[in-house]
Amino acid sequence: QVQLVESGGGLVQPGGSLRLSCAASGSISRINAMGWYRQAPGKQRELVATITSDRVENYADSVKGRFTISRDNAKNLVYLQMNSLKPEDTAVYYCAADIGMRSSGMGYWGKGTLVTVSS
């Protein structure tokens, strides 16, 4: 059994910063890519950022230059540093991971953490 648990969400004013964390635990053979996705009210879930086991990063255009994804492979952690937050960043943020000896896509998901950007 594998669990992903997010933390760090909350209420922040426009222009502010938040740091999300996600811890993977359980029966983990190998973590390939990890990532963050978000779902705003009334919208579909969308990719925010991903990072491979070699730390190659990929970002949605809407967050480039403002968000930074990083990971701690020894501790099975992934982070999302969010700066210059905008009201349109308001969403539930989900952590995801591709776990297994072979890469097979983001098959594991956390339950999400709410980020609200509002004055």
PDB file of N, CA and C in Angstrom:
ATOM      1  N   GLN A   1       0.848  -1.201   0.000  1.00  0.00           N
ATOM      2  CA  GLN A   1       0.000   0.000   0.000  1.00  0.00           C
ATOM      3  C   GLN A   1       0.874   1.239   0.000  1.00  0.00           C
ATOM      4  N   VAL A   2       0.562   2.174  -0.864  1.00  0.00           N
ATOM      5  CA  VAL A   2       1.311   3.426  -0.967  1.00  0.00           C
ATOM      6  C   VAL A   2       0.387   4.580  -0.616  1.00  0.00           C
ATOM      7  N   GLN A   3       0.898   5.498   0.165  1.00  0.00           N
ATOM      8  CA  GLN A   3       0.143   6.703   0.519  1.00  0.00           C
ATOM      9  C   GLN A   3       0.918   7.946   0.126  1.00  0.00           C
ATOM     10  N   LEU A   4       0.188   8.931  -0.395  1.00  0.00           N
ATOM     11  CA  LEU A   4       0.739  10.254  -0.636  1.00  0.00           C
ATOM     12  C   LEU A   4      -0.060  11.235   0.204  1.00  0.00           C
ATOM     13  N   VAL A   5       0.630  12.020   1.010  1.00  0.00           N
ATOM     14  CA  VAL A   5      -0.047  12.953   1.897  1.00  0.00           C
ATOM     15  C   VAL A   5       0.516  14.348   1.665  1.00  0.00           C
ATOM     16  N   GLU A   6      -0.381  15.257   1.260  1.00  0.00           N
ATOM     17  CA  GLU A   6       0.009  16.647   1.023  1.00  0.00           C
ATOM     18  C   GLU A   6      -0.161  17.472   2.292  1.00  0.00           C
ATOM     19  N   SER A   7       0.610  18.550   2.360  1.00  0.00           N
ATOM     20  CA  SER A   7       0.454  19.519   3.438  1.00  0.00           C
ATOM     21  C   SER A   7       0.933  20.875   2.943  1.00  0.00           C
ATOM     22  N   GLY A   8       0.548  21.919   3.680  1.00  0.00           N
ATOM     23  CA  GLY A   8       1.048  23.248   3.371  1.00  0.00           C
ATOM     24  C   GLY A   8       0.056  24.190   2.722  1.00  0.00           C
ATOM     25  N   GLY A   9      -1.140  23.706   2.426  1.00  0.00           N
ATOM     26  CA  GLY A   9      -2.134  24.590   1.826  1.00  0.00           C
ATOM     27  C   GLY A   9      -2.674  25.585   2.840  1.00  0.00           C
ATOM     28  N   GLY A  10      -3.439  26.536   2.340  1.00  0.00           N
ATOM     29  CA  GLY A  10      -4.027  27.528   3.226  1.00  0.00           C
ATOM     30  C   GLY A  10      -4.473  28.752   2.468  1.00  0.00           C
ATOM     31  N   LEU A  11      -4.756  29.791   3.237  1.00  0.00           N
ATOM     32  CA  LEU A  11      -5.205  31.064   2.687  1.00  0.00           C
ATOM     33  C   LEU A  11      -4.016  32.018   2.605  1.00  0.00           C
ATOM     34  N   VAL A  12      -3.849  32.641   1.450  1.00  0.00           N
ATOM     35  CA  VAL A  12      -2.746  33.587   1.269  1.00  0.00           C
ATOM     36  C   VAL A  12      -3.238  34.752   0.420  1.00  0.00           C
ATOM     37  N   GLN A  13      -2.677  35.908   0.646  1.00  0.00           N
ATOM     38  CA  GLN A  13      -3.060  37.088  -0.124  1.00  0.00           C
ATOM     39  C   GLN A  13      -2.389  37.070  -1.494  1.00  0.00           C
ATOM     40  N   PRO A  14      -2.990  37.726  -2.462  1.00  0.00           N
ATOM     41  CA  PRO A  14      -2.338  37.833  -3.777  1.00  0.00           C
ATOM     42  C   PRO A  14      -0.935  38.406  -3.634  1.00  0.00           C
ATOM     43  N   GLY A  15      -0.002  37.810  -4.371  1.00  0.00           N
ATOM     44  CA  GLY A  15       1.391  38.210  -4.273  1.00  0.00           C
ATOM     45  C   GLY A  15       2.188  37.453  -3.232  1.00  0.00           C
ATOM     46  N   GLY A  16       1.485  36.688  -2.410  1.00  0.00           N
ATOM     47  CA  GLY A  16       2.149  35.943  -1.353  1.00  0.00           C
ATOM     48  C   GLY A  16       2.729  34.626  -1.824  1.00  0.00           C
ATOM     49  N   SER A  17       3.253  33.882  -0.858  1.00  0.00           N
ATOM     50  CA  SER A  17       3.921  32.608  -1.162  1.00  0.00           C
ATOM     51  C   SER A  17       3.400  31.500  -0.250  1.00  0.00           C
ATOM     52  N   LEU A  18       3.470  30.299  -0.768  1.00  0.00           N
ATOM     53  CA  LEU A  18       3.177  29.101   0.006  1.00  0.00           C
ATOM     54  C   LEU A  18       4.110  27.995  -0.458  1.00  0.00           C
ATOM     55  N   ARG A  19       4.386  27.066   0.426  1.00  0.00           N
ATOM     56  CA  ARG A  19       5.177  25.895   0.059  1.00  0.00           C
ATOM     57  C   ARG A  19       4.380  24.644   0.389  1.00  0.00           C
ATOM     58  N   LEU A  20       4.093  23.865  -0.625  1.00  0.00           N
ATOM     59  CA  LEU A  20       3.399  22.599  -0.434  1.00  0.00           C
ATOM     60  C   LEU A  20       4.415  21.463  -0.321  1.00  0.00           C
ATOM     61  N   SER A  21       4.067  20.497   0.498  1.00  0.00           N
ATOM     62  CA  SER A  21       4.906  19.301   0.644  1.00  0.00           C
ATOM     63  C   SER A  21       4.054  18.075   0.413  1.00  0.00           C
ATOM     64  N   CYS A  22       4.696  17.016  -0.043  1.00  0.00           N
ATOM     65  CA  CYS A  22       4.008  15.739  -0.234  1.00  0.00           C
ATOM     66  C   CYS A  22       4.952  14.631   0.166  1.00  0.00           C
ATOM     67  N   ALA A  23       4.480  13.780   1.061  1.00  0.00           N
ATOM     68  CA  ALA A  23       5.284  12.659   1.527  1.00  0.00           C
ATOM     69  C   ALA A  23       4.700  11.347   1.011  1.00  0.00           C
ATOM     70  N   ALA A  24       5.545  10.545   0.406  1.00  0.00           N
ATOM     71  CA  ALA A  24       5.142   9.214  -0.052  1.00  0.00           C
ATOM     72  C   ALA A  24       5.619   8.183   0.957  1.00  0.00           C
ATOM     73  N   SER A  25       4.732   7.248   1.296  1.00  0.00           N
ATOM     74  CA  SER A  25       5.097   6.215   2.259  1.00  0.00           C
ATOM     75  C   SER A  25       4.448   4.893   1.862  1.00  0.00           C
ATOM     76  N   GLY A  26       4.949   3.825   2.486  1.00  0.00           N
ATOM     77  CA  GLY A  26       4.378   2.517   2.210  1.00  0.00           C
ATOM     78  C   GLY A  26       5.334   1.634   1.435  1.00  0.00           C
ATOM     79  N   SER A  27       4.763   0.731   0.671  1.00  0.00           N
ATOM     80  CA  SER A  27       5.541  -0.239  -0.089  1.00  0.00           C
ATOM     81  C   SER A  27       6.027   0.394  -1.392  1.00  0.00           C
ATOM     82  N   ILE A  28       7.186   1.026  -1.312  1.00  0.00           N
ATOM     83  CA  ILE A  28       7.711   1.782  -2.449  1.00  0.00           C
ATOM     84  C   ILE A  28       8.970   1.117  -2.975  1.00  0.00           C
ATOM     85  N   SER A  29       8.923   0.668  -4.217  1.00  0.00           N
ATOM     86  CA  SER A  29      10.109   0.069  -4.824  1.00  0.00           C
ATOM     87  C   SER A  29      10.997   1.148  -5.433  1.00  0.00           C
ATOM     88  N   ARG A  30      10.358   2.005  -6.213  1.00  0.00           N
ATOM     89  CA  ARG A  30      11.103   3.068  -6.868  1.00  0.00           C
ATOM     90  C   ARG A  30      10.112   4.162  -7.247  1.00  0.00           C
ATOM     91  N   ILE A  31      10.461   5.414  -6.966  1.00  0.00           N
ATOM     92  CA  ILE A  31       9.624   6.535  -7.394  1.00  0.00           C
ATOM     93  C   ILE A  31      10.244   7.131  -8.645  1.00  0.00           C
ATOM     94  N   ASN A  32       9.514   7.113  -9.712  1.00  0.00           N
ATOM     95  CA  ASN A  32       9.983   7.702 -10.971  1.00  0.00           C
ATOM     96  C   ASN A  32       9.625   9.183 -10.954  1.00  0.00           C
ATOM     97  N   ALA A  33       8.702   9.607 -11.751  1.00  0.00           N
ATOM     98  CA  ALA A  33       8.313  11.016 -11.725  1.00  0.00           C
ATOM     99  C   ALA A  33       7.365  11.301 -10.562  1.00  0.00           C
ATOM    100  N   MET A  34       7.394  12.542 -10.102  1.00  0.00           N
ATOM    101  CA  MET A  34       6.426  13.033  -9.132  1.00  0.00           C
ATOM    102  C   MET A  34       5.880  14.352  -9.672  1.00  0.00           C
ATOM    103  N   GLY A  35       4.720  14.722  -9.194  1.00  0.00           N
ATOM    104  CA  GLY A  35       4.168  15.954  -9.737  1.00  0.00           C
ATOM    105  C   GLY A  35       3.079  16.556  -8.888  1.00  0.00           C
ATOM    106  N   TRP A  36       2.709  17.739  -9.283  1.00  0.00           N
ATOM    107  CA  TRP A  36       1.603  18.460  -8.666  1.00  0.00           C
ATOM    108  C   TRP A  36       0.576  18.804  -9.746  1.00  0.00           C
ATOM    109  N   TYR A  37      -0.664  18.594  -9.393  1.00  0.00           N
ATOM    110  CA  TYR A  37      -1.790  18.937 -10.253  1.00  0.00           C
ATOM    111  C   TYR A  37      -2.753  19.765  -9.424  1.00  0.00           C
ATOM    112  N   ARG A  38      -3.664  20.453 -10.085  1.00  0.00           N
ATOM    113  CA  ARG A  38      -4.643  21.232  -9.340  1.00  0.00           C
ATOM    114  C   ARG A  38      -5.988  21.200 -10.035  1.00  0.00           C
ATOM    115  N   GLN A  39      -7.007  21.415  -9.223  1.00  0.00           N
ATOM    116  CA  GLN A  39      -8.370  21.487  -9.744  1.00  0.00           C
ATOM    117  C   GLN A  39      -9.087  22.648  -9.089  1.00  0.00           C
ATOM    118  N   ALA A  40      -9.434  23.622  -9.904  1.00  0.00           N
ATOM    119  CA  ALA A  40     -10.180  24.773  -9.433  1.00  0.00           C
ATOM    120  C   ALA A  40     -11.678  24.467  -9.496  1.00  0.00           C
ATOM    121  N   PRO A  41     -12.479  25.174  -8.712  1.00  0.00           N
ATOM    122  CA  PRO A  41     -13.925  24.926  -8.732  1.00  0.00           C
ATOM    123  C   PRO A  41     -14.500  25.030 -10.130  1.00  0.00           C
ATOM    124  N   GLY A  42     -15.231  24.018 -10.540  1.00  0.00           N
ATOM    125  CA  GLY A  42     -15.870  24.033 -11.844  1.00  0.00           C
ATOM    126  C   GLY A  42     -14.967  23.759 -13.020  1.00  0.00           C
ATOM    127  N   LYS A  43     -13.715  23.408 -12.737  1.00  0.00           N
ATOM    128  CA  LYS A  43     -12.758  23.164 -13.824  1.00  0.00           C
ATOM    129  C   LYS A  43     -12.180  21.758 -13.718  1.00  0.00           C
ATOM    130  N   GLN A  44     -11.559  21.335 -14.808  1.00  0.00           N
ATOM    131  CA  GLN A  44     -10.913  20.025 -14.809  1.00  0.00           C
ATOM    132  C   GLN A  44      -9.555  20.096 -14.120  1.00  0.00           C
ATOM    133  N   ARG A  45      -9.121  18.941 -13.653  1.00  0.00           N
ATOM    134  CA  ARG A  45      -7.793  18.871 -13.054  1.00  0.00           C
ATOM    135  C   ARG A  45      -6.744  19.152 -14.126  1.00  0.00           C
ATOM    136  N   GLU A  46      -5.718  19.923 -13.748  1.00  0.00           N
ATOM    137  CA  GLU A  46      -4.678  20.269 -14.703  1.00  0.00           C
ATOM    138  C   GLU A  46      -3.299  20.081 -14.089  1.00  0.00           C
ATOM    139  N   LEU A  47      -2.337  19.865 -14.962  1.00  0.00           N
ATOM    140  CA  LEU A  47      -0.960  19.717 -14.526  1.00  0.00           C
ATOM    141  C   LEU A  47      -0.409  21.059 -14.078  1.00  0.00           C
ATOM    142  N   VAL A  48       0.332  21.045 -12.967  1.00  0.00           N
ATOM    143  CA  VAL A  48       1.034  22.241 -12.513  1.00  0.00           C
ATOM    144  C   VAL A  48       2.529  22.085 -12.801  1.00  0.00           C
ATOM    145  N   ALA A  49       3.100  21.001 -12.296  1.00  0.00           N
ATOM    146  CA  ALA A  49       4.535  20.776 -12.483  1.00  0.00           C
ATOM    147  C   ALA A  49       4.856  19.311 -12.229  1.00  0.00           C
ATOM    148  N   THR A  50       5.880  18.822 -12.923  1.00  0.00           N
ATOM    149  CA  THR A  50       6.375  17.473 -12.673  1.00  0.00           C
ATOM    150  C   THR A  50       7.892  17.499 -12.573  1.00  0.00           C
ATOM    151  N   ILE A  51       8.424  16.453 -11.941  1.00  0.00           N
ATOM    152  CA  ILE A  51       9.871  16.330 -11.805  1.00  0.00           C
ATOM    153  C   ILE A  51      10.231  14.851 -11.884  1.00  0.00           C
ATOM    154  N   THR A  52      11.234  14.544 -12.693  1.00  0.00           N
ATOM    155  CA  THR A  52      11.638  13.149 -12.854  1.00  0.00           C
ATOM    156  C   THR A  52      12.595  12.752 -11.730  1.00  0.00           C
ATOM    157  N   SER A  53      12.949  11.487 -11.728  1.00  0.00           N
ATOM    158  CA  SER A  53      13.896  11.013 -10.722  1.00  0.00           C
ATOM    159  C   SER A  53      15.276  11.661 -10.928  1.00  0.00           C
ATOM    160  N   ASP A  54      15.541  12.115 -12.143  1.00  0.00           N
ATOM    161  CA  ASP A  54      16.793  12.825 -12.431  1.00  0.00           C
ATOM    162  C   ASP A  54      16.645  14.331 -12.244  1.00  0.00           C
ATOM    163  N   ARG A  55      15.489  14.727 -11.684  1.00  0.00           N
ATOM    164  CA  ARG A  55      15.217  16.140 -11.381  1.00  0.00           C
ATOM    165  C   ARG A  55      15.058  17.002 -12.621  1.00  0.00           C
ATOM    166  N   VAL A  56      14.550  16.432 -13.695  1.00  0.00           N
ATOM    167  CA  VAL A  56      14.157  17.229 -14.847  1.00  0.00           C
ATOM    168  C   VAL A  56      12.761  17.771 -14.570  1.00  0.00           C
ATOM    169  N   GLU A  57      12.605  19.072 -14.664  1.00  0.00           N
ATOM    170  CA  GLU A  57      11.371  19.743 -14.282  1.00  0.00           C
ATOM    171  C   GLU A  57      10.551  20.135 -15.506  1.00  0.00           C
ATOM    172  N   ASN A  58       9.239  20.140 -15.304  1.00  0.00           N
ATOM    173  CA  ASN A  58       8.317  20.579 -16.345  1.00  0.00           C
ATOM    174  C   ASN A  58       7.210  21.375 -15.681  1.00  0.00           C
ATOM    175  N   TYR A  59       6.819  22.495 -16.297  1.00  0.00           N
ATOM    176  CA  TYR A  59       5.827  23.382 -15.696  1.00  0.00           C
ATOM    177  C   TYR A  59       4.733  23.749 -16.690  1.00  0.00           C
ATOM    178  N   ALA A  60       3.557  23.968 -16.163  1.00  0.00           N
ATOM    179  CA  ALA A  60       2.504  24.571 -16.951  1.00  0.00           C
ATOM    180  C   ALA A  60       2.903  26.009 -17.251  1.00  0.00           C
ATOM    181  N   ASP A  61       2.522  26.500 -18.416  1.00  0.00           N
ATOM    182  CA  ASP A  61       2.881  27.876 -18.788  1.00  0.00           C
ATOM    183  C   ASP A  61       2.375  28.888 -17.771  1.00  0.00           C
ATOM    184  N   SER A  62       1.232  28.597 -17.174  1.00  0.00           N
ATOM    185  CA  SER A  62       0.608  29.551 -16.257  1.00  0.00           C
ATOM    186  C   SER A  62       1.391  29.749 -14.970  1.00  0.00           C
ATOM    187  N   VAL A  63       2.307  28.837 -14.655  1.00  0.00           N
ATOM    188  CA  VAL A  63       3.045  28.948 -13.396  1.00  0.00           C
ATOM    189  C   VAL A  63       4.547  29.121 -13.596  1.00  0.00           C
ATOM    190  N   LYS A  64       5.000  29.074 -14.833  1.00  0.00           N
ATOM    191  CA  LYS A  64       6.442  29.221 -15.103  1.00  0.00           C
ATOM    192  C   LYS A  64       6.960  30.534 -14.557  1.00  0.00           C
ATOM    193  N   GLY A  65       8.104  30.454 -13.889  1.00  0.00           N
ATOM    194  CA  GLY A  65       8.700  31.651 -13.312  1.00  0.00           C
ATOM    195  C   GLY A  65       8.164  32.017 -11.946  1.00  0.00           C
ATOM    196  N   ARG A  66       7.075  31.371 -11.524  1.00  0.00           N
ATOM    197  CA  ARG A  66       6.498  31.663 -10.210  1.00  0.00           C
ATOM    198  C   ARG A  66       6.571  30.452  -9.271  1.00  0.00           C
ATOM    199  N   PHE A  67       6.417  29.271  -9.823  1.00  0.00           N
ATOM    200  CA  PHE A  67       6.417  28.044  -9.022  1.00  0.00           C
ATOM    201  C   PHE A  67       7.694  27.258  -9.277  1.00  0.00           C
ATOM    202  N   THR A  68       8.157  26.554  -8.248  1.00  0.00           N
ATOM    203  CA  THR A  68       9.332  25.689  -8.374  1.00  0.00           C
ATOM    204  C   THR A  68       9.046  24.344  -7.717  1.00  0.00           C
ATOM    205  N   ILE A  69       9.252  23.283  -8.468  1.00  0.00           N
ATOM    206  CA  ILE A  69       9.087  21.934  -7.923  1.00  0.00           C
ATOM    207  C   ILE A  69      10.461  21.380  -7.571  1.00  0.00           C
ATOM    208  N   SER A  70      10.509  20.637  -6.478  1.00  0.00           N
ATOM    209  CA  SER A  70      11.762  19.994  -6.080  1.00  0.00           C
ATOM    210  C   SER A  70      11.424  18.693  -5.359  1.00  0.00           C
ATOM    211  N   ARG A  71      12.434  17.858  -5.166  1.00  0.00           N
ATOM    212  CA  ARG A  71      12.182  16.592  -4.489  1.00  0.00           C
ATOM    213  C   ARG A  71      13.395  16.163  -3.677  1.00  0.00           C
ATOM    214  N   ASP A  72      13.094  15.388  -2.660  1.00  0.00           N
ATOM    215  CA  ASP A  72      14.121  14.780  -1.822  1.00  0.00           C
ATOM    216  C   ASP A  72      13.975  13.272  -2.008  1.00  0.00           C
ATOM    217  N   ASN A  73      14.833  12.696  -2.813  1.00  0.00           N
ATOM    218  CA  ASN A  73      14.688  11.280  -3.140  1.00  0.00           C
ATOM    219  C   ASN A  73      14.925  10.381  -1.924  1.00  0.00           C
ATOM    220  N   ALA A  74      15.802  10.799  -1.041  1.00  0.00           N
ATOM    221  CA  ALA A  74      16.106   9.971   0.130  1.00  0.00           C
ATOM    222  C   ALA A  74      14.923   9.859   1.073  1.00  0.00           C
ATOM    223  N   LYS A  75      14.095  10.914   1.093  1.00  0.00           N
ATOM    224  CA  LYS A  75      12.960  10.951   2.022  1.00  0.00           C
ATOM    225  C   LYS A  75      11.625  10.766   1.327  1.00  0.00           C
ATOM    226  N   ASN A  76      11.635  10.539   0.022  1.00  0.00           N
ATOM    227  CA  ASN A  76      10.391  10.356  -0.745  1.00  0.00           C
ATOM    228  C   ASN A  76       9.455  11.554  -0.596  1.00  0.00           C
ATOM    229  N   LEU A  77      10.036  12.740  -0.728  1.00  0.00           N
ATOM    230  CA  LEU A  77       9.276  13.974  -0.593  1.00  0.00           C
ATOM    231  C   LEU A  77       9.331  14.757  -1.899  1.00  0.00           C
ATOM    232  N   VAL A  78       8.249  15.477  -2.170  1.00  0.00           N
ATOM    233  CA  VAL A  78       8.234  16.425  -3.273  1.00  0.00           C
ATOM    234  C   VAL A  78       7.623  17.722  -2.755  1.00  0.00           C
ATOM    235  N   TYR A  79       8.152  18.824  -3.233  1.00  0.00           N
ATOM    236  CA  TYR A  79       7.728  20.144  -2.774  1.00  0.00           C
ATOM    237  C   TYR A  79       7.256  20.987  -3.956  1.00  0.00           C
ATOM    238  N   LEU A  80       6.441  21.966  -3.646  1.00  0.00           N
ATOM    239  CA  LEU A  80       6.058  22.965  -4.633  1.00  0.00           C
ATOM    240  C   LEU A  80       6.128  24.328  -3.956  1.00  0.00           C
ATOM    241  N   GLN A  81       7.128  25.097  -4.327  1.00  0.00           N
ATOM    242  CA  GLN A  81       7.258  26.464  -3.836  1.00  0.00           C
ATOM    243  C   GLN A  81       6.474  27.372  -4.767  1.00  0.00           C
ATOM    244  N   MET A  82       5.491  28.066  -4.217  1.00  0.00           N
ATOM    245  CA  MET A  82       4.625  28.916  -5.014  1.00  0.00           C
ATOM    246  C   MET A  82       4.807  30.367  -4.593  1.00  0.00           C
ATOM    247  N   ASN A  83       5.288  31.183  -5.501  1.00  0.00           N
ATOM    248  CA  ASN A  83       5.503  32.605  -5.251  1.00  0.00           C
ATOM    249  C   ASN A  83       4.601  33.440  -6.148  1.00  0.00           C
ATOM    250  N   SER A  84       4.462  34.695  -5.804  1.00  0.00           N
ATOM    251  CA  SER A  84       3.641  35.628  -6.598  1.00  0.00           C
ATOM    252  C   SER A  84       2.279  35.035  -6.910  1.00  0.00           C
ATOM    253  N   LEU A  85       1.645  34.526  -5.891  1.00  0.00           N
ATOM    254  CA  LEU A  85       0.371  33.842  -6.093  1.00  0.00           C
ATOM    255  C   LEU A  85      -0.717  34.801  -6.562  1.00  0.00           C
ATOM    256  N   LYS A  86      -1.588  34.268  -7.410  1.00  0.00           N
ATOM    257  CA  LYS A  86      -2.688  35.041  -7.990  1.00  0.00           C
ATOM    258  C   LYS A  86      -4.015  34.384  -7.592  1.00  0.00           C
ATOM    259  N   PRO A  87      -5.087  35.136  -7.606  1.00  0.00           N
ATOM    260  CA  PRO A  87      -6.397  34.533  -7.287  1.00  0.00           C
ATOM    261  C   PRO A  87      -6.707  33.315  -8.170  1.00  0.00           C
ATOM    262  N   GLU A  88      -6.261  33.334  -9.403  1.00  0.00           N
ATOM    263  CA  GLU A  88      -6.532  32.215 -10.300  1.00  0.00           C
ATOM    264  C   GLU A  88      -5.723  30.961  -9.961  1.00  0.00           C
ATOM    265  N   ASP A  89      -4.825  31.050  -8.994  1.00  0.00           N
ATOM    266  CA  ASP A  89      -4.122  29.863  -8.505  1.00  0.00           C
ATOM    267  C   ASP A  89      -4.945  29.115  -7.453  1.00  0.00           C
ATOM    268  N   THR A  90      -6.062  29.690  -7.051  1.00  0.00           N
ATOM    269  CA  THR A  90      -6.930  29.041  -6.075  1.00  0.00           C
ATOM    270  C   THR A  90      -7.418  27.706  -6.610  1.00  0.00           C
ATOM    271  N   ALA A  91      -7.164  26.644  -5.856  1.00  0.00           N
ATOM    272  CA  ALA A  91      -7.532  25.297  -6.294  1.00  0.00           C
ATOM    273  C   ALA A  91      -7.184  24.299  -5.203  1.00  0.00           C
ATOM    274  N   VAL A  92      -7.660  23.091  -5.385  1.00  0.00           N
ATOM    275  CA  VAL A  92      -7.154  21.973  -4.598  1.00  0.00           C
ATOM    276  C   VAL A  92      -5.937  21.432  -5.335  1.00  0.00           C
ATOM    277  N   TYR A  93      -4.831  21.335  -4.629  1.00  0.00           N
ATOM    278  CA  TYR A  93      -3.578  20.868  -5.224  1.00  0.00           C
ATOM    279  C   TYR A  93      -3.345  19.415  -4.821  1.00  0.00           C
ATOM    280  N   TYR A  94      -3.081  18.587  -5.819  1.00  0.00           N
ATOM    281  CA  TYR A  94      -2.879  17.163  -5.612  1.00  0.00           C
ATOM    282  C   TYR A  94      -1.450  16.767  -5.947  1.00  0.00           C
ATOM    283  N   CYS A  95      -0.905  15.921  -5.110  1.00  0.00           N
ATOM    284  CA  CYS A  95       0.393  15.318  -5.370  1.00  0.00           C
ATOM    285  C   CYS A  95       0.162  13.996  -6.102  1.00  0.00           C
ATOM    286  N   ALA A  96       1.057  13.680  -7.020  1.00  0.00           N
ATOM    287  CA  ALA A  96       0.957  12.420  -7.760  1.00  0.00           C
ATOM    288  C   ALA A  96       2.340  11.824  -7.937  1.00  0.00           C
ATOM    289  N   ALA A  97       2.374  10.513  -8.080  1.00  0.00           N
ATOM    290  CA  ALA A  97       3.671   9.847  -8.243  1.00  0.00           C
ATOM    291  C   ALA A  97       3.560   8.637  -9.161  1.00  0.00           C
ATOM    292  N   ASP A  98       4.616   8.434  -9.903  1.00  0.00           N
ATOM    293  CA  ASP A  98       4.780   7.249 -10.760  1.00  0.00           C
ATOM    294  C   ASP A  98       5.708   6.313  -9.983  1.00  0.00           C
ATOM    295  N   ILE A  99       5.134   5.260  -9.424  1.00  0.00           N
ATOM    296  CA  ILE A  99       5.901   4.388  -8.529  1.00  0.00           C
ATOM    297  C   ILE A  99       5.959   2.988  -9.105  1.00  0.00           C
ATOM    298  N   GLY A 100       7.160   2.405  -9.116  1.00  0.00           N
ATOM    299  CA  GLY A 100       7.338   1.057  -9.618  1.00  0.00           C
ATOM    300  C   GLY A 100       8.677   0.920 -10.305  1.00  0.00           C
ATOM    301  N   MET A 101       9.092  -0.305 -10.526  1.00  0.00           N
ATOM    302  CA  MET A 101      10.389  -0.537 -11.159  1.00  0.00           C
ATOM    303  C   MET A 101      10.363  -0.097 -12.617  1.00  0.00           C
ATOM    304  N   ARG A 102       9.176  -0.070 -13.206  1.00  0.00           N
ATOM    305  CA  ARG A 102       8.998   0.472 -14.556  1.00  0.00           C
ATOM    306  C   ARG A 102       8.089   1.676 -14.502  1.00  0.00           C
ATOM    307  N   SER A 103       8.411   2.715 -15.260  1.00  0.00           N
ATOM    308  CA  SER A 103       7.553   3.893 -15.320  1.00  0.00           C
ATOM    309  C   SER A 103       6.234   3.534 -15.990  1.00  0.00           C
ATOM    310  N   SER A 104       5.129   3.909 -15.342  1.00  0.00           N
ATOM    311  CA  SER A 104       3.822   3.565 -15.894  1.00  0.00           C
ATOM    312  C   SER A 104       2.803   4.683 -15.722  1.00  0.00           C
ATOM    313  N   GLY A 105       3.289   5.881 -15.498  1.00  0.00           N
ATOM    314  CA  GLY A 105       2.382   7.006 -15.341  1.00  0.00           C
ATOM    315  C   GLY A 105       2.063   7.285 -13.879  1.00  0.00           C
ATOM    316  N   MET A 106       1.405   8.417 -13.661  1.00  0.00           N
ATOM    317  CA  MET A 106       1.076   8.849 -12.290  1.00  0.00           C
ATOM    318  C   MET A 106      -0.078   7.993 -11.767  1.00  0.00           C
ATOM    319  N   GLY A 107       0.263   6.892 -11.149  1.00  0.00           N
ATOM    320  CA  GLY A 107      -0.765   5.980 -10.683  1.00  0.00           C
ATOM    321  C   GLY A 107      -1.186   6.161  -9.240  1.00  0.00           C
ATOM    322  N   TYR A 108      -0.463   7.002  -8.525  1.00  0.00           N
ATOM    323  CA  TYR A 108      -0.756   7.222  -7.107  1.00  0.00           C
ATOM    324  C   TYR A 108      -1.018   8.701  -6.872  1.00  0.00           C
ATOM    325  N   TRP A 109      -2.068   8.953  -6.088  1.00  0.00           N
ATOM    326  CA  TRP A 109      -2.512  10.328  -5.866  1.00  0.00           C
ATOM    327  C   TRP A 109      -2.791  10.558  -4.395  1.00  0.00           C
ATOM    328  N   GLY A 110      -2.519  11.789  -3.953  1.00  0.00           N
ATOM    329  CA  GLY A 110      -2.925  12.196  -2.627  1.00  0.00           C
ATOM    330  C   GLY A 110      -4.359  12.687  -2.637  1.00  0.00           C
ATOM    331  N   LYS A 111      -4.844  13.080  -1.469  1.00  0.00           N
ATOM    332  CA  LYS A 111      -6.233  13.536  -1.347  1.00  0.00           C
ATOM    333  C   LYS A 111      -6.381  15.019  -1.601  1.00  0.00           C
ATOM    334  N   GLY A 112      -5.259  15.722  -1.673  1.00  0.00           N
ATOM    335  CA  GLY A 112      -5.303  17.129  -2.022  1.00  0.00           C
ATOM    336  C   GLY A 112      -5.217  18.060  -0.827  1.00  0.00           C
ATOM    337  N   THR A 113      -4.735  19.263  -1.105  1.00  0.00           N
ATOM    338  CA  THR A 113      -4.693  20.326  -0.104  1.00  0.00           C
ATOM    339  C   THR A 113      -5.179  21.609  -0.762  1.00  0.00           C
ATOM    340  N   LEU A 114      -6.017  22.340  -0.055  1.00  0.00           N
ATOM    341  CA  LEU A 114      -6.661  23.524  -0.633  1.00  0.00           C
ATOM    342  C   LEU A 114      -5.765  24.746  -0.504  1.00  0.00           C
ATOM    343  N   VAL A 115      -5.593  25.430  -1.616  1.00  0.00           N
ATOM    344  CA  VAL A 115      -4.892  26.709  -1.647  1.00  0.00           C
ATOM    345  C   VAL A 115      -5.893  27.776  -2.069  1.00  0.00           C
ATOM    346  N   THR A 116      -6.049  28.784  -1.233  1.00  0.00           N
ATOM    347  CA  THR A 116      -6.955  29.883  -1.531  1.00  0.00           C
ATOM    348  C   THR A 116      -6.173  31.180  -1.569  1.00  0.00           C
ATOM    349  N   VAL A 117      -6.227  31.862  -2.698  1.00  0.00           N
ATOM    350  CA  VAL A 117      -5.521  33.138  -2.862  1.00  0.00           C
ATOM    351  C   VAL A 117      -6.581  34.236  -2.921  1.00  0.00           C
ATOM    352  N   SER A 118      -6.626  35.027  -1.867  1.00  0.00           N
ATOM    353  CA  SER A 118      -7.672  36.032  -1.769  1.00  0.00           C
ATOM    354  C   SER A 118      -7.255  37.114  -0.790  1.00  0.00           C
ATOM    355  N   SER A 119      -7.728  38.315  -1.069  1.00  0.00           N
ATOM    356  CA  SER A 119      -7.468  39.411  -0.131  1.00  0.00           C
ATOM    357  C   SER A 119      -8.639  39.570   0.838  1.00  0.00           C
TER     358      SER A 119
END
